[in-house]
N, C-alpha and C. Protein backbone atom coordinates (compact mmCIF):
# COMPACT_ATOMS: atom_id res chain seq x y z
N UNK A 1 -1.38 42.72 17.36
CA UNK A 1 -2.39 42.13 16.49
C UNK A 1 -1.71 41.54 15.27
N UNK A 2 -2.14 40.37 14.86
CA UNK A 2 -1.57 39.69 13.70
C UNK A 2 -2.24 40.19 12.43
N UNK A 3 -1.40 40.47 11.42
CA UNK A 3 -1.95 40.86 10.12
C UNK A 3 -2.42 39.61 9.40
N UNK A 4 -3.67 39.62 8.98
CA UNK A 4 -4.23 38.51 8.23
C UNK A 4 -4.72 39.05 6.90
N UNK A 5 -4.31 38.40 5.86
CA UNK A 5 -4.67 38.80 4.50
C UNK A 5 -6.18 38.81 4.33
N UNK A 6 -6.67 39.70 3.47
CA UNK A 6 -8.11 39.76 3.17
C UNK A 6 -8.55 38.40 2.64
N UNK A 7 -9.74 37.98 3.02
CA UNK A 7 -10.23 36.66 2.67
C UNK A 7 -10.38 36.49 1.16
N UNK A 8 -10.88 37.48 0.45
CA UNK A 8 -11.06 37.35 -1.00
C UNK A 8 -9.72 37.20 -1.70
N UNK A 9 -8.70 37.91 -1.21
CA UNK A 9 -7.35 37.80 -1.80
C UNK A 9 -6.75 36.42 -1.50
N UNK A 10 -6.92 35.95 -0.28
CA UNK A 10 -6.40 34.63 0.08
C UNK A 10 -7.08 33.54 -0.75
N UNK A 11 -8.38 33.69 -0.97
CA UNK A 11 -9.11 32.72 -1.80
C UNK A 11 -8.57 32.71 -3.22
N UNK A 12 -8.36 33.86 -3.79
CA UNK A 12 -7.85 33.96 -5.16
C UNK A 12 -6.47 33.32 -5.26
N UNK A 13 -5.60 33.57 -4.31
CA UNK A 13 -4.26 32.98 -4.32
C UNK A 13 -4.33 31.46 -4.18
N UNK A 14 -5.21 31.01 -3.32
CA UNK A 14 -5.40 29.57 -3.15
C UNK A 14 -5.79 28.92 -4.46
N UNK A 15 -6.76 29.48 -5.14
CA UNK A 15 -7.24 28.91 -6.40
C UNK A 15 -6.15 28.93 -7.47
N UNK A 16 -5.46 30.06 -7.60
CA UNK A 16 -4.42 30.19 -8.63
C UNK A 16 -3.25 29.25 -8.37
N UNK A 17 -2.82 29.19 -7.15
CA UNK A 17 -1.65 28.37 -6.84
C UNK A 17 -1.95 26.88 -6.93
N UNK A 18 -3.16 26.50 -6.55
CA UNK A 18 -3.51 25.09 -6.67
C UNK A 18 -3.54 24.66 -8.13
N UNK A 19 -4.09 25.49 -8.97
CA UNK A 19 -4.18 25.16 -10.39
C UNK A 19 -2.79 25.01 -11.02
N UNK A 20 -1.85 25.84 -10.60
CA UNK A 20 -0.52 25.77 -11.19
C UNK A 20 0.37 24.71 -10.54
N UNK A 21 -0.08 24.11 -9.47
CA UNK A 21 0.74 23.13 -8.75
C UNK A 21 0.53 21.69 -9.21
N UNK A 22 -0.32 21.46 -10.19
CA UNK A 22 -0.62 20.09 -10.64
C UNK A 22 0.65 19.33 -11.01
N UNK A 23 1.58 19.90 -11.81
CA UNK A 23 2.78 19.13 -12.15
C UNK A 23 3.61 18.74 -10.91
N UNK A 24 3.72 19.64 -9.95
CA UNK A 24 4.47 19.32 -8.73
C UNK A 24 3.77 18.22 -7.93
N UNK A 25 2.46 18.28 -7.89
CA UNK A 25 1.68 17.24 -7.20
C UNK A 25 1.93 15.88 -7.84
N UNK A 26 1.82 15.80 -9.15
CA UNK A 26 2.03 14.54 -9.85
C UNK A 26 3.46 14.04 -9.68
N UNK A 27 4.42 14.94 -9.73
CA UNK A 27 5.83 14.57 -9.55
C UNK A 27 6.07 14.02 -8.15
N UNK A 28 5.49 14.69 -7.16
CA UNK A 28 5.66 14.23 -5.78
C UNK A 28 5.10 12.84 -5.55
N UNK A 29 3.95 12.57 -6.13
CA UNK A 29 3.34 11.25 -5.99
C UNK A 29 4.20 10.21 -6.70
N UNK A 30 4.68 10.52 -7.89
CA UNK A 30 5.48 9.58 -8.66
C UNK A 30 6.79 9.22 -7.95
N UNK A 31 7.35 10.17 -7.23
CA UNK A 31 8.64 9.95 -6.56
C UNK A 31 8.50 9.33 -5.17
N UNK A 32 7.31 9.30 -4.62
CA UNK A 32 7.10 8.84 -3.25
C UNK A 32 7.02 7.32 -3.19
N UNK A 33 7.91 6.70 -2.42
CA UNK A 33 7.86 5.25 -2.26
C UNK A 33 7.52 4.87 -0.82
N UNK A 34 7.05 5.84 -0.03
CA UNK A 34 6.75 5.57 1.38
C UNK A 34 5.27 5.65 1.71
N UNK A 35 4.42 6.02 0.75
CA UNK A 35 3.00 6.23 1.03
C UNK A 35 2.35 5.00 1.68
N UNK A 36 2.52 3.84 1.09
CA UNK A 36 1.85 2.65 1.60
C UNK A 36 2.27 2.33 3.03
N UNK A 37 3.56 2.29 3.28
CA UNK A 37 4.05 1.94 4.62
C UNK A 37 3.63 2.99 5.65
N UNK A 38 3.80 4.26 5.31
CA UNK A 38 3.45 5.32 6.26
C UNK A 38 1.95 5.37 6.53
N UNK A 39 1.17 5.19 5.49
CA UNK A 39 -0.28 5.24 5.66
C UNK A 39 -0.77 4.05 6.49
N UNK A 40 -0.27 2.87 6.20
CA UNK A 40 -0.66 1.69 6.97
C UNK A 40 -0.23 1.82 8.43
N UNK A 41 0.91 2.43 8.68
CA UNK A 41 1.40 2.61 10.05
C UNK A 41 0.58 3.61 10.85
N UNK A 42 -0.24 4.39 10.18
CA UNK A 42 -1.03 5.40 10.88
C UNK A 42 -2.41 4.90 11.29
N UNK A 43 -2.62 3.60 11.28
CA UNK A 43 -3.93 3.01 11.62
C UNK A 43 -4.45 3.52 12.96
N UNK A 44 -3.60 3.55 13.97
CA UNK A 44 -4.03 4.02 15.30
C UNK A 44 -4.47 5.47 15.28
N UNK A 45 -3.74 6.30 14.56
CA UNK A 45 -4.13 7.72 14.46
C UNK A 45 -5.44 7.87 13.71
N UNK A 46 -5.61 7.09 12.67
CA UNK A 46 -6.86 7.12 11.91
C UNK A 46 -8.03 6.73 12.81
N UNK A 47 -7.86 5.64 13.53
CA UNK A 47 -8.94 5.17 14.40
C UNK A 47 -9.26 6.21 15.48
N UNK A 48 -8.24 6.80 16.08
CA UNK A 48 -8.47 7.81 17.11
C UNK A 48 -9.20 9.02 16.53
N UNK A 49 -8.80 9.45 15.35
CA UNK A 49 -9.44 10.60 14.72
C UNK A 49 -10.88 10.34 14.35
N UNK A 50 -11.14 9.17 13.79
CA UNK A 50 -12.51 8.82 13.41
C UNK A 50 -13.37 8.67 14.65
N UNK A 51 -12.84 8.04 15.68
CA UNK A 51 -13.59 7.86 16.93
C UNK A 51 -13.97 9.22 17.52
N UNK A 52 -13.03 10.13 17.55
CA UNK A 52 -13.30 11.48 18.07
C UNK A 52 -14.35 12.19 17.22
N UNK A 53 -14.23 12.08 15.91
CA UNK A 53 -15.20 12.73 15.02
C UNK A 53 -16.60 12.15 15.24
N UNK A 54 -16.70 10.84 15.43
CA UNK A 54 -18.00 10.22 15.67
C UNK A 54 -18.56 10.71 17.01
N UNK A 55 -17.73 10.74 18.02
CA UNK A 55 -18.17 11.19 19.34
C UNK A 55 -18.68 12.64 19.29
N UNK A 56 -18.06 13.46 18.47
CA UNK A 56 -18.44 14.87 18.37
C UNK A 56 -19.49 15.12 17.29
N UNK A 57 -19.98 14.04 16.68
CA UNK A 57 -21.02 14.12 15.64
C UNK A 57 -20.62 15.08 14.51
N UNK A 58 -19.37 15.00 14.10
CA UNK A 58 -18.88 15.90 13.05
C UNK A 58 -19.45 15.57 11.68
N UNK A 59 -19.74 14.32 11.41
CA UNK A 59 -20.28 13.96 10.10
C UNK A 59 -21.62 14.65 9.90
N UNK A 60 -22.56 14.41 10.81
CA UNK A 60 -23.88 15.03 10.65
C UNK A 60 -23.79 16.55 10.76
N UNK A 61 -22.88 17.05 11.58
CA UNK A 61 -22.71 18.50 11.68
C UNK A 61 -22.24 19.10 10.37
N UNK A 62 -21.31 18.43 9.71
CA UNK A 62 -20.84 18.92 8.41
C UNK A 62 -21.92 18.85 7.35
N UNK A 63 -22.71 17.79 7.39
CA UNK A 63 -23.81 17.67 6.44
C UNK A 63 -24.80 18.81 6.64
N UNK A 64 -25.14 19.08 7.89
CA UNK A 64 -26.10 20.15 8.18
C UNK A 64 -25.54 21.52 7.81
N UNK A 65 -24.25 21.75 8.05
CA UNK A 65 -23.65 23.03 7.68
C UNK A 65 -23.66 23.23 6.17
N UNK A 66 -23.35 22.18 5.44
CA UNK A 66 -23.32 22.27 3.98
C UNK A 66 -24.73 22.45 3.42
N UNK A 67 -25.64 21.63 3.86
CA UNK A 67 -27.02 21.72 3.41
C UNK A 67 -27.26 21.07 2.06
N UNK A 68 -28.52 20.88 1.77
CA UNK A 68 -28.95 20.22 0.54
C UNK A 68 -28.51 21.00 -0.70
N UNK A 69 -28.55 22.32 -0.63
CA UNK A 69 -28.22 23.11 -1.83
C UNK A 69 -26.75 22.97 -2.20
N UNK A 70 -25.84 22.90 -1.22
CA UNK A 70 -24.42 22.73 -1.55
C UNK A 70 -24.19 21.37 -2.20
N UNK A 71 -24.87 20.38 -1.71
CA UNK A 71 -24.77 19.04 -2.30
C UNK A 71 -25.22 19.07 -3.75
N UNK A 72 -26.39 19.61 -3.99
CA UNK A 72 -26.92 19.66 -5.36
C UNK A 72 -26.06 20.53 -6.27
N UNK A 73 -25.64 21.69 -5.77
CA UNK A 73 -24.80 22.58 -6.59
C UNK A 73 -23.47 21.92 -6.95
N UNK A 74 -22.89 21.20 -6.00
CA UNK A 74 -21.63 20.51 -6.28
C UNK A 74 -21.78 19.44 -7.34
N UNK A 75 -22.84 18.69 -7.26
CA UNK A 75 -23.08 17.65 -8.27
C UNK A 75 -23.33 18.28 -9.63
N UNK A 76 -24.16 19.32 -9.64
CA UNK A 76 -24.50 19.96 -10.92
C UNK A 76 -23.27 20.64 -11.53
N UNK A 77 -22.43 21.25 -10.71
CA UNK A 77 -21.31 22.03 -11.22
C UNK A 77 -20.07 21.22 -11.57
N UNK A 78 -19.84 20.13 -10.86
CA UNK A 78 -18.61 19.38 -11.13
C UNK A 78 -18.78 17.88 -11.07
N UNK A 79 -19.80 17.40 -10.40
CA UNK A 79 -19.96 15.97 -10.16
C UNK A 79 -20.18 15.14 -11.40
N UNK A 80 -21.02 15.63 -12.33
CA UNK A 80 -21.34 14.83 -13.51
C UNK A 80 -20.11 14.48 -14.33
N UNK A 81 -19.30 15.45 -14.63
CA UNK A 81 -18.10 15.21 -15.41
C UNK A 81 -17.09 14.34 -14.69
N UNK A 82 -16.91 14.61 -13.41
CA UNK A 82 -15.95 13.81 -12.65
C UNK A 82 -16.44 12.37 -12.48
N UNK A 83 -17.73 12.22 -12.31
CA UNK A 83 -18.28 10.87 -12.16
C UNK A 83 -18.02 10.06 -13.43
N UNK A 84 -18.39 10.63 -14.56
CA UNK A 84 -18.22 9.91 -15.83
C UNK A 84 -16.75 9.58 -16.08
N UNK A 85 -15.87 10.54 -15.86
CA UNK A 85 -14.44 10.32 -16.07
C UNK A 85 -13.90 9.27 -15.10
N UNK A 86 -14.31 9.36 -13.84
CA UNK A 86 -13.84 8.41 -12.84
C UNK A 86 -14.30 7.00 -13.12
N UNK A 87 -15.57 6.86 -13.47
CA UNK A 87 -16.09 5.53 -13.76
C UNK A 87 -15.42 4.96 -15.01
N UNK A 88 -15.25 5.78 -16.02
CA UNK A 88 -14.62 5.31 -17.26
C UNK A 88 -13.22 4.78 -17.00
N UNK A 89 -12.51 5.37 -16.06
CA UNK A 89 -11.15 4.95 -15.76
C UNK A 89 -11.04 3.88 -14.71
N UNK A 90 -12.16 3.44 -14.15
CA UNK A 90 -12.12 2.51 -13.03
C UNK A 90 -12.64 1.12 -13.37
N UNK A 91 -12.92 0.85 -14.63
CA UNK A 91 -13.50 -0.44 -15.00
C UNK A 91 -12.69 -1.64 -14.56
N UNK A 92 -11.39 -1.60 -14.78
CA UNK A 92 -10.54 -2.74 -14.40
C UNK A 92 -10.53 -2.94 -12.89
N UNK A 93 -10.42 -1.83 -12.15
CA UNK A 93 -10.43 -1.94 -10.68
C UNK A 93 -11.78 -2.47 -10.19
N UNK A 94 -12.86 -2.00 -10.80
CA UNK A 94 -14.19 -2.48 -10.41
C UNK A 94 -14.29 -3.99 -10.65
N UNK A 95 -13.85 -4.42 -11.83
CA UNK A 95 -13.92 -5.84 -12.17
C UNK A 95 -13.12 -6.68 -11.17
N UNK A 96 -11.92 -6.24 -10.86
CA UNK A 96 -11.08 -6.95 -9.90
C UNK A 96 -11.72 -6.98 -8.52
N UNK A 97 -12.28 -5.86 -8.11
CA UNK A 97 -12.90 -5.78 -6.79
C UNK A 97 -14.19 -6.57 -6.67
N UNK A 98 -14.96 -6.61 -7.75
CA UNK A 98 -16.25 -7.31 -7.70
C UNK A 98 -16.12 -8.81 -7.95
N UNK A 99 -15.07 -9.24 -8.62
CA UNK A 99 -14.93 -10.64 -9.00
C UNK A 99 -15.11 -11.62 -7.84
N UNK A 100 -14.52 -11.39 -6.66
CA UNK A 100 -14.72 -12.36 -5.57
C UNK A 100 -16.19 -12.47 -5.13
N UNK A 101 -16.91 -11.37 -5.20
CA UNK A 101 -18.33 -11.39 -4.82
C UNK A 101 -19.15 -12.16 -5.86
N UNK A 102 -18.86 -11.89 -7.11
CA UNK A 102 -19.55 -12.60 -8.19
C UNK A 102 -19.30 -14.09 -8.08
N UNK A 103 -18.03 -14.46 -7.87
CA UNK A 103 -17.67 -15.87 -7.76
C UNK A 103 -18.36 -16.52 -6.56
N UNK A 104 -18.40 -15.82 -5.44
CA UNK A 104 -19.05 -16.36 -4.24
C UNK A 104 -20.55 -16.53 -4.47
N UNK A 105 -21.18 -15.56 -5.13
CA UNK A 105 -22.62 -15.68 -5.41
C UNK A 105 -22.89 -16.85 -6.35
N UNK A 106 -22.00 -17.04 -7.30
CA UNK A 106 -22.18 -18.14 -8.25
C UNK A 106 -22.08 -19.51 -7.55
N UNK A 107 -21.23 -19.60 -6.54
CA UNK A 107 -21.04 -20.86 -5.81
C UNK A 107 -22.07 -21.08 -4.70
N UNK A 108 -22.78 -20.03 -4.30
CA UNK A 108 -23.68 -20.12 -3.15
C UNK A 108 -24.79 -21.13 -3.39
N UNK A 109 -25.06 -21.91 -2.37
CA UNK A 109 -26.17 -22.88 -2.42
C UNK A 109 -27.42 -22.16 -1.93
N UNK A 110 -28.36 -21.97 -2.82
CA UNK A 110 -29.58 -21.24 -2.48
C UNK A 110 -30.76 -22.18 -2.32
N UNK A 111 -31.69 -21.83 -1.44
CA UNK A 111 -32.93 -22.60 -1.35
C UNK A 111 -33.70 -22.50 -2.67
N UNK A 112 -34.62 -23.40 -2.88
CA UNK A 112 -35.42 -23.39 -4.11
C UNK A 112 -36.22 -22.10 -4.22
N UNK A 113 -36.39 -21.67 -5.45
CA UNK A 113 -37.18 -20.48 -5.74
C UNK A 113 -38.65 -20.74 -5.41
N UNK A 114 -39.33 -19.71 -4.94
CA UNK A 114 -40.75 -19.83 -4.63
C UNK A 114 -41.55 -18.80 -5.41
N UNK A 115 -42.84 -18.73 -5.16
CA UNK A 115 -43.66 -17.73 -5.82
C UNK A 115 -43.25 -16.31 -5.40
N UNK A 116 -43.57 -15.34 -6.21
CA UNK A 116 -43.24 -13.94 -5.93
C UNK A 116 -43.71 -13.57 -4.52
N UNK A 117 -42.79 -12.97 -3.75
CA UNK A 117 -43.12 -12.52 -2.39
C UNK A 117 -43.12 -13.62 -1.34
N UNK A 118 -42.75 -14.82 -1.70
CA UNK A 118 -42.82 -15.95 -0.76
C UNK A 118 -41.68 -15.93 0.25
N UNK A 119 -41.88 -16.67 1.32
CA UNK A 119 -40.84 -16.83 2.34
C UNK A 119 -39.60 -17.50 1.73
N UNK A 120 -39.80 -18.42 0.80
CA UNK A 120 -38.67 -19.09 0.14
C UNK A 120 -37.78 -18.07 -0.57
N UNK A 121 -38.37 -17.11 -1.24
CA UNK A 121 -37.58 -16.09 -1.94
C UNK A 121 -36.88 -15.16 -0.95
N UNK A 122 -37.51 -14.90 0.17
CA UNK A 122 -36.84 -14.10 1.21
C UNK A 122 -35.62 -14.85 1.73
N UNK A 123 -35.75 -16.17 1.87
CA UNK A 123 -34.62 -16.97 2.33
C UNK A 123 -33.48 -16.96 1.30
N UNK A 124 -33.84 -16.97 0.02
CA UNK A 124 -32.82 -16.87 -1.04
C UNK A 124 -32.08 -15.53 -0.93
N UNK A 125 -32.83 -14.47 -0.71
CA UNK A 125 -32.22 -13.14 -0.59
C UNK A 125 -31.29 -13.10 0.62
N UNK A 126 -31.74 -13.65 1.74
CA UNK A 126 -30.90 -13.67 2.94
C UNK A 126 -29.65 -14.52 2.74
N UNK A 127 -29.76 -15.62 2.02
CA UNK A 127 -28.60 -16.45 1.73
C UNK A 127 -27.59 -15.67 0.88
N UNK A 128 -28.07 -14.93 -0.10
CA UNK A 128 -27.17 -14.09 -0.91
C UNK A 128 -26.53 -13.01 -0.06
N UNK A 129 -27.32 -12.38 0.81
CA UNK A 129 -26.77 -11.35 1.69
C UNK A 129 -25.68 -11.92 2.59
N UNK A 130 -25.94 -13.09 3.18
CA UNK A 130 -24.93 -13.75 4.02
C UNK A 130 -23.66 -14.02 3.22
N UNK A 131 -23.82 -14.47 1.99
CA UNK A 131 -22.67 -14.75 1.13
C UNK A 131 -21.85 -13.48 0.90
N UNK A 132 -22.53 -12.39 0.61
CA UNK A 132 -21.82 -11.12 0.36
C UNK A 132 -21.11 -10.63 1.61
N UNK A 133 -21.76 -10.72 2.77
CA UNK A 133 -21.13 -10.28 4.03
C UNK A 133 -19.93 -11.16 4.36
N UNK A 134 -20.08 -12.47 4.22
CA UNK A 134 -18.96 -13.39 4.49
C UNK A 134 -17.79 -13.11 3.55
N UNK A 135 -18.09 -12.83 2.30
CA UNK A 135 -17.03 -12.54 1.33
C UNK A 135 -16.31 -11.25 1.71
N UNK A 136 -17.08 -10.22 2.06
CA UNK A 136 -16.46 -8.95 2.47
C UNK A 136 -15.60 -9.14 3.70
N UNK A 137 -16.10 -9.90 4.67
CA UNK A 137 -15.31 -10.14 5.88
C UNK A 137 -14.01 -10.88 5.55
N UNK A 138 -14.10 -11.84 4.65
CA UNK A 138 -12.91 -12.61 4.27
C UNK A 138 -11.90 -11.72 3.55
N UNK A 139 -12.40 -10.87 2.66
CA UNK A 139 -11.52 -10.01 1.86
C UNK A 139 -10.97 -8.85 2.68
N UNK A 140 -11.84 -8.19 3.41
CA UNK A 140 -11.46 -6.93 4.06
C UNK A 140 -11.17 -7.05 5.54
N UNK A 141 -11.62 -8.11 6.17
CA UNK A 141 -11.44 -8.24 7.61
C UNK A 141 -10.02 -8.55 8.00
N UNK A 142 -9.68 -8.22 9.23
CA UNK A 142 -8.39 -8.61 9.78
C UNK A 142 -7.18 -8.09 9.04
N UNK A 143 -7.18 -6.81 8.72
CA UNK A 143 -6.01 -6.22 8.09
C UNK A 143 -6.00 -6.30 6.59
N UNK A 144 -7.09 -6.75 6.02
CA UNK A 144 -7.17 -6.79 4.56
C UNK A 144 -7.34 -5.41 3.99
N UNK A 145 -7.87 -5.30 2.80
CA UNK A 145 -8.00 -3.98 2.23
C UNK A 145 -9.11 -3.89 1.36
């Protein structure tokens, strides 16, 4: 029989060691010059893994296992602070990422505006949607990012 550490003790060690490993984590990332090439080369493995997960319905299974309360508790306990910090630090990336969509929308030829709820306005909305999809396909399709 294999000796397995008590779960509460293993949990405590996991938490303590992860907290103290931040400097090593940051150092490892700073010194790594292979992440991009290695990650891009793993496209086939990524696709195979995602395909298998979809076939086994792991996404919905994980959601059901976690449940609504875990989602809410996670947001209440850590999500608010992380969200604000993440958004505050991502403004430049957001601007760079959104700029092609904004530019495409600005150039889009739209049908004339109509009365509220009119078919003409629905056509304007569909034209904008087509513009956004075409822009995303141009930017992200075929090996883009």
